Amino acid sequence: MALTKRALRASLKVLIGDDIPVVTTAAGLTDGTTFVTSQFDGAERGYLHGLWAMIESGEHDGKYRPIDVAEDSEGSPRTFHLAGTALAGVAGIISGINISVHHIRPDQYTRAINEAIQLAYPHVYLAAMDSSLLVVANQVQYTLPAGYTPRLIRSIWMEGEGSYDEIPTYLIHNVRYSPDETKLWINAVPGLRQDLLTATRKIYIFTEKYLTLLAADTAYGALVNDSTAVVELTTGTQEEELLLLYAKARLFSIISGEPQRANGTALAQQAAIYLQEAQAAASHLKQRPVDRPGYQ
């Protein structure tokens, strides 16, 4: 099963201990500026001040706001006020809504995961194949498919044809690329007669690509594609674990630069340690085999 942004964020929150699950026990104001729960009865005023409320069910699923201290009521159940603009919709945050309360702003999780996707390469990547290019007789220059970068291409194969071929596919060694990385030149292929290059032959390009980056979120308001399967990894794999280790390192590095954090230096030092841990884990990750056409 492909991972969602929400699933990755949830795993990362657990990994760093930044998650307070809340379930509302009564309806808040209809404009969505409050939520009500009995989970924190008896806690001092301002108990959740400065933390972020991430709504994870109901009409306002995927939206988040900072929790305001000024209007935090005492009593049972407790009413917590959200700073910022009201949540537009039919109703406010009603009873039975799941809210995740945490210290780090939700969009920063997305940023950390995206940076981890790039840091974890080439240990975590998407193996892709393109077969859209067809051989043209006596033509050696071809335009690379969109999204295919020479430095990430693993191998190029040419489809065999006819009784003259001893093997169905040929690995192409003599390949050159244009300076702007948009075109490739295929030179002579050992063992393949050039007069047999016809338009019925396919060129197979195997490439390593970064995983698809998560959709960027607004810095204050709502997450984008939060529940959509957007990451080409499955749960419980070594690749997912490695990605989360890199994301943890990047998250601590990101928040270390925030002016409101007095412990920025300590956070930066912790980020460096986490990065070393991720790099050590990457060095032990089993490498994938080299790709080639499966019907050779």
Protein backbone atom coordinates (compact mmCIF):
# COMPACT_ATOMS: atom_id res chain seq x y z
CA MET A 1 0.00 0.00 0.00
CA ALA A 2 1.38 3.39 -0.99
CA LEU A 3 2.02 5.82 1.81
CA THR A 4 0.16 9.05 2.37
CA LYS A 5 1.49 12.32 3.69
CA ARG A 6 -0.63 11.79 6.79
CA ALA A 7 0.81 8.33 7.44
CA LEU A 8 4.39 9.57 7.09
CA ARG A 9 3.72 12.54 9.35
CA ALA A 10 2.09 10.30 11.95
CA SER A 11 5.09 7.95 11.95
CA LEU A 12 7.49 10.85 12.21
CA LYS A 13 5.56 12.40 15.11
CA VAL A 14 5.72 9.14 17.02
CA LEU A 15 9.42 8.80 16.22
CA ILE A 16 10.24 12.16 17.84
CA GLY A 17 7.54 12.05 20.52
CA ASP A 18 5.53 15.01 19.23
CA ASP A 19 1.94 13.85 19.37
CA ILE A 20 -0.92 14.40 21.82
CA PRO A 21 -4.04 12.68 20.47
CA VAL A 22 -7.27 14.49 21.40
CA VAL A 23 -10.92 13.60 20.88
CA THR A 24 -13.48 16.37 21.30
CA THR A 25 -16.29 15.65 23.78
CA ALA A 26 -18.64 18.53 22.90
CA ALA A 27 -19.23 20.96 20.07
CA GLY A 28 -17.24 24.18 19.88
CA LEU A 29 -18.35 27.47 18.39
CA THR A 30 -19.95 27.23 14.96
CA ASP A 31 -17.23 29.38 13.38
CA GLY A 32 -14.65 26.72 14.17
CA THR A 33 -12.54 28.88 16.47
CA THR A 34 -12.79 26.54 19.48
CA PHE A 35 -12.69 22.87 20.33
CA VAL A 36 -13.96 21.26 23.52
CA THR A 37 -12.56 18.23 25.32
CA SER A 38 -12.54 16.79 28.81
CA GLN A 39 -9.07 15.25 28.42
CA PHE A 40 -7.31 18.13 30.17
CA ASP A 41 -9.68 18.81 33.04
CA GLY A 42 -7.72 20.16 35.99
CA ALA A 43 -4.75 21.34 33.93
CA GLU A 44 -3.60 24.92 34.42
CA ARG A 45 -4.75 27.71 32.16
CA GLY A 46 -2.67 27.91 29.00
CA TYR A 47 -1.73 24.23 29.21
CA LEU A 48 -1.66 23.86 25.41
CA HIS A 49 -0.59 27.41 24.60
CA GLY A 50 1.74 27.66 21.63
CA LEU A 51 1.01 24.15 20.37
CA TRP A 52 -0.68 23.32 17.09
CA ALA A 53 -4.09 21.70 16.70
CA MET A 54 -4.24 19.50 13.60
CA ILE A 55 -7.81 18.42 12.77
CA GLU A 56 -7.85 14.88 11.43
CA SER A 57 -11.53 14.05 10.91
CA GLY A 58 -14.84 15.68 10.16
CA GLU A 59 -15.67 18.68 8.02
CA HIS A 60 -12.40 20.48 8.69
CA ASP A 61 -10.12 17.49 8.21
CA GLY A 62 -6.62 18.60 7.18
CA LYS A 63 -6.80 22.10 8.64
CA TYR A 64 -4.69 23.35 11.52
CA ARG A 65 -4.39 26.37 13.79
CA PRO A 66 -2.23 27.46 16.74
CA ILE A 67 -3.84 27.20 20.16
CA ASP A 68 -4.39 30.58 21.82
CA VAL A 69 -3.71 31.00 25.54
CA ALA A 70 -5.70 34.19 26.09
CA GLU A 71 -9.12 32.57 25.96
CA ASP A 72 -8.43 29.12 27.32
CA SER A 73 -11.29 28.36 29.71
CA GLU A 74 -10.99 26.42 32.94
CA GLY A 75 -13.64 24.00 34.09
CA SER A 76 -15.02 20.75 32.74
CA PRO A 77 -14.94 20.14 29.85
CA ARG A 78 -12.21 22.53 28.74
CA THR A 79 -12.65 24.90 25.80
CA PHE A 80 -9.54 25.74 23.78
CA HIS A 81 -9.50 28.68 21.41
CA LEU A 82 -7.70 28.66 18.09
CA ALA A 83 -5.86 31.70 16.80
CA GLY A 84 -6.14 32.89 13.23
CA THR A 85 -9.02 32.95 10.80
CA ALA A 86 -12.25 31.09 11.44
CA LEU A 87 -12.82 27.72 9.78
CA ALA A 88 -15.33 28.26 7.01
CA GLY A 89 -17.98 25.56 6.76
CA VAL A 90 -21.38 24.37 7.86
CA ALA A 91 -20.42 23.67 11.45
CA GLY A 92 -17.56 24.17 13.83
CA ILE A 93 -15.49 21.45 15.47
CA ILE A 94 -18.21 19.15 16.75
CA SER A 95 -18.05 16.32 19.29
CA GLY A 96 -16.12 13.18 18.37
CA ILE A 97 -13.53 14.90 16.17
CA ASN A 98 -9.93 13.64 16.20
CA ILE A 99 -7.31 16.31 16.75
CA SER A 100 -3.56 15.84 16.88
CA VAL A 101 -1.85 18.40 19.10
CA HIS A 102 1.88 18.89 18.64
CA HIS A 103 4.73 21.37 19.04
CA ILE A 104 5.90 21.51 15.44
CA ARG A 105 3.84 23.17 12.71
CA PRO A 106 2.34 20.53 10.37
CA ASP A 107 3.69 22.00 7.13
CA GLN A 108 7.22 21.69 8.51
CA TYR A 109 6.75 17.92 8.63
CA THR A 110 6.01 18.02 4.91
CA ARG A 111 9.09 20.11 4.22
CA ALA A 112 11.29 17.74 6.25
CA ILE A 113 9.96 14.67 4.43
CA ASN A 114 10.54 16.27 1.03
CA GLU A 115 14.12 17.13 1.94
CA ALA A 116 14.57 13.58 3.25
CA ILE A 117 13.38 12.15 -0.08
CA GLN A 118 16.28 13.91 -1.79
CA LEU A 119 18.82 13.15 0.93
CA ALA A 120 17.97 9.45 0.97
CA TYR A 121 18.76 9.01 -2.73
CA PRO A 122 20.20 6.71 -4.09
CA HIS A 123 19.18 4.34 -1.30
CA VAL A 124 15.52 5.28 -1.57
CA TYR A 125 14.31 5.89 -5.08
CA LEU A 126 11.64 5.13 -7.65
CA ALA A 127 12.72 2.74 -10.40
CA ALA A 128 10.97 3.72 -13.63
CA MET A 129 11.07 2.62 -17.25
CA ASP A 130 10.17 4.52 -20.40
CA SER A 131 9.54 2.79 -23.74
CA SER A 132 8.06 5.71 -25.67
CA LEU A 133 11.07 6.14 -27.97
CA LEU A 134 11.03 4.17 -31.21
CA VAL A 135 14.10 3.57 -33.30
CA VAL A 136 14.25 5.45 -36.59
CA ALA A 137 16.51 4.00 -39.30
CA ASN A 138 19.92 5.69 -39.40
CA GLN A 139 18.91 8.16 -36.67
CA VAL A 140 21.23 8.43 -33.69
CA GLN A 141 19.82 11.47 -31.86
CA TYR A 142 16.68 11.18 -29.71
CA THR A 143 14.91 13.52 -27.30
CA LEU A 144 14.81 12.23 -23.74
CA PRO A 145 11.34 11.66 -22.25
CA ALA A 146 10.13 14.34 -19.86
CA GLY A 147 11.45 13.84 -16.34
CA TYR A 148 14.38 11.63 -17.39
CA THR A 149 17.74 13.09 -16.37
CA PRO A 150 20.99 11.57 -17.68
CA ARG A 151 22.68 11.45 -14.28
CA LEU A 152 19.83 9.28 -12.94
CA ILE A 153 19.64 6.86 -15.89
CA ARG A 154 20.76 3.36 -14.93
CA SER A 155 20.75 1.65 -18.32
CA ILE A 156 19.41 1.86 -21.88
CA TRP A 157 18.33 -1.17 -23.87
CA MET A 158 17.22 -1.65 -27.46
CA GLU A 159 14.56 -4.14 -28.47
CA GLY A 160 15.74 -6.92 -30.77
CA GLU A 161 13.93 -8.00 -33.91
CA GLY A 162 14.11 -10.66 -36.60
CA SER A 163 16.19 -13.77 -37.13
CA TYR A 164 19.42 -11.78 -37.33
CA ASP A 165 19.33 -11.10 -33.59
CA GLU A 166 20.88 -13.62 -31.29
CA ILE A 167 19.36 -12.07 -28.15
CA PRO A 168 16.07 -10.18 -27.78
CA THR A 169 17.56 -7.03 -26.24
CA TYR A 170 20.83 -5.15 -26.50
CA LEU A 171 22.44 -3.16 -23.73
CA ILE A 172 23.58 0.16 -25.18
CA HIS A 173 26.96 1.28 -23.89
CA ASN A 174 27.86 4.06 -26.31
CA VAL A 175 25.50 6.81 -25.26
CA ARG A 176 26.16 10.54 -25.16
CA TYR A 177 23.94 13.33 -23.87
CA SER A 178 23.52 16.95 -24.92
CA PRO A 179 24.87 19.66 -22.60
CA ASP A 180 21.32 20.71 -21.70
CA GLU A 181 20.52 17.07 -20.80
CA THR A 182 17.49 16.91 -23.10
CA LYS A 183 18.84 14.65 -25.89
CA LEU A 184 20.82 11.44 -26.23
CA TRP A 185 22.95 10.04 -29.02
CA ILE A 186 23.02 6.29 -29.63
CA ASN A 187 26.17 5.18 -31.42
CA ALA A 188 26.86 1.80 -32.96
CA VAL A 189 25.48 -1.12 -30.96
CA PRO A 190 27.91 -4.08 -30.91
CA GLY A 191 26.46 -7.12 -32.67
CA LEU A 192 23.51 -5.24 -34.18
CA ARG A 193 23.42 -4.54 -37.92
CA GLN A 194 22.64 -0.88 -38.47
CA ASP A 195 20.44 -1.67 -41.47
CA LEU A 196 18.09 -3.51 -39.12
CA LEU A 197 17.27 -0.38 -37.13
CA THR A 198 13.61 0.07 -37.93
CA ALA A 199 10.78 2.01 -36.30
CA THR A 200 9.33 -1.17 -34.82
CA ARG A 201 12.14 -1.33 -32.27
CA LYS A 202 11.66 0.23 -28.86
CA ILE A 203 14.27 1.93 -26.76
CA TYR A 204 13.92 1.11 -23.08
CA ILE A 205 15.31 3.65 -20.64
CA PHE A 206 15.63 2.57 -17.02
CA THR A 207 16.09 5.35 -14.55
CA GLU A 208 16.30 6.10 -10.87
CA LYS A 209 14.04 8.95 -9.88
CA TYR A 210 13.43 10.72 -6.63
CA LEU A 211 10.18 9.70 -5.01
CA THR A 212 7.40 12.12 -5.84
CA LEU A 213 7.69 15.10 -3.53
CA LEU A 214 4.73 15.77 -1.27
CA ALA A 215 2.49 18.66 -2.23
CA ALA A 216 3.66 21.79 -0.44
CA ASP A 217 1.36 23.06 2.30
CA THR A 218 0.39 26.55 3.20
CA ALA A 219 2.45 27.82 6.10
CA TYR A 220 -0.69 28.58 8.03
CA GLY A 221 -3.99 26.91 7.38
CA ALA A 222 -4.46 23.64 5.52
CA LEU A 223 -2.54 20.65 4.25
CA VAL A 224 -2.65 19.60 0.59
CA ASN A 225 -3.42 16.00 -0.48
CA ASP A 226 -3.03 14.87 3.11
CA SER A 227 -4.86 11.56 2.70
CA THR A 228 -3.92 10.85 -0.91
CA ALA A 229 -1.47 8.03 -1.59
CA VAL A 230 1.45 10.06 -2.92
CA VAL A 231 4.63 8.27 -1.84
CA GLU A 232 5.83 5.26 -3.86
CA LEU A 233 6.76 3.24 -0.80
CA THR A 234 4.91 0.64 1.16
CA THR A 235 4.62 0.51 4.93
CA GLY A 236 7.02 -1.57 6.96
CA THR A 237 9.94 -1.46 4.52
CA GLN A 238 13.59 -0.58 5.06
CA GLU A 239 13.16 2.30 2.63
CA GLU A 240 10.36 3.82 4.71
CA GLU A 241 12.42 3.50 7.90
CA LEU A 242 15.41 5.16 6.26
CA LEU A 243 13.28 7.98 4.88
CA LEU A 244 11.90 8.67 8.36
CA LEU A 245 15.41 8.78 9.85
CA TYR A 246 16.45 11.41 7.33
CA ALA A 247 13.18 13.29 7.90
CA LYS A 248 13.83 13.37 11.65
CA ALA A 249 17.25 14.89 11.06
CA ARG A 250 15.87 17.51 8.67
CA LEU A 251 12.95 18.37 10.97
CA PHE A 252 15.22 19.13 13.91
CA SER A 253 17.46 21.18 11.62
CA ILE A 254 14.48 23.18 10.32
CA ILE A 255 13.08 24.07 13.73
CA SER A 256 16.53 24.86 15.13
CA GLY A 257 16.52 28.02 13.05
CA GLU A 258 13.24 29.37 14.39
CA PRO A 259 13.81 32.55 16.41
CA GLN A 260 11.25 31.61 19.06
CA ARG A 261 13.22 28.50 20.06
CA ALA A 262 15.76 29.29 22.79
CA ASN A 263 17.36 25.84 22.41
CA GLY A 264 18.22 26.26 18.71
CA THR A 265 21.87 25.29 19.16
CA ALA A 266 20.96 22.09 20.99
CA LEU A 267 18.40 21.22 18.31
CA ALA A 268 20.99 21.76 15.57
CA GLN A 269 23.44 19.48 17.38
CA GLN A 270 20.74 16.84 17.74
CA ALA A 271 19.95 17.16 14.03
CA ALA A 272 23.60 16.44 13.19
CA ILE A 273 23.52 13.30 15.33
CA TYR A 274 20.29 12.12 13.68
CA LEU A 275 21.82 12.72 10.25
CA GLN A 276 24.78 10.53 11.15
CA GLU A 277 22.36 7.82 12.28
CA ALA A 278 20.49 8.02 8.96
CA GLN A 279 23.71 7.84 6.96
CA ALA A 280 24.84 4.82 8.95
CA ALA A 281 21.52 3.09 8.30
CA ALA A 282 21.77 3.94 4.60
CA SER A 283 25.18 2.27 4.34
CA HIS A 284 23.64 -1.02 5.51
CA LEU A 285 20.55 -0.89 3.30
CA LYS A 286 20.49 -3.73 0.80
CA GLN A 287 21.04 -2.44 -2.72
CA ARG A 288 18.55 -3.20 -5.47
CA PRO A 289 19.64 -5.22 -8.56
CA VAL A 290 20.37 -3.41 -11.82
CA ASP A 291 17.23 -3.08 -13.92
CA ARG A 292 16.89 -4.54 -17.39
CA PRO A 293 14.01 -5.66 -19.64
CA GLY A 294 12.27 -8.63 -18.09
CA TYR A 295 11.65 -10.52 -21.30
CA GLN A 296 15.27 -10.90 -22.39
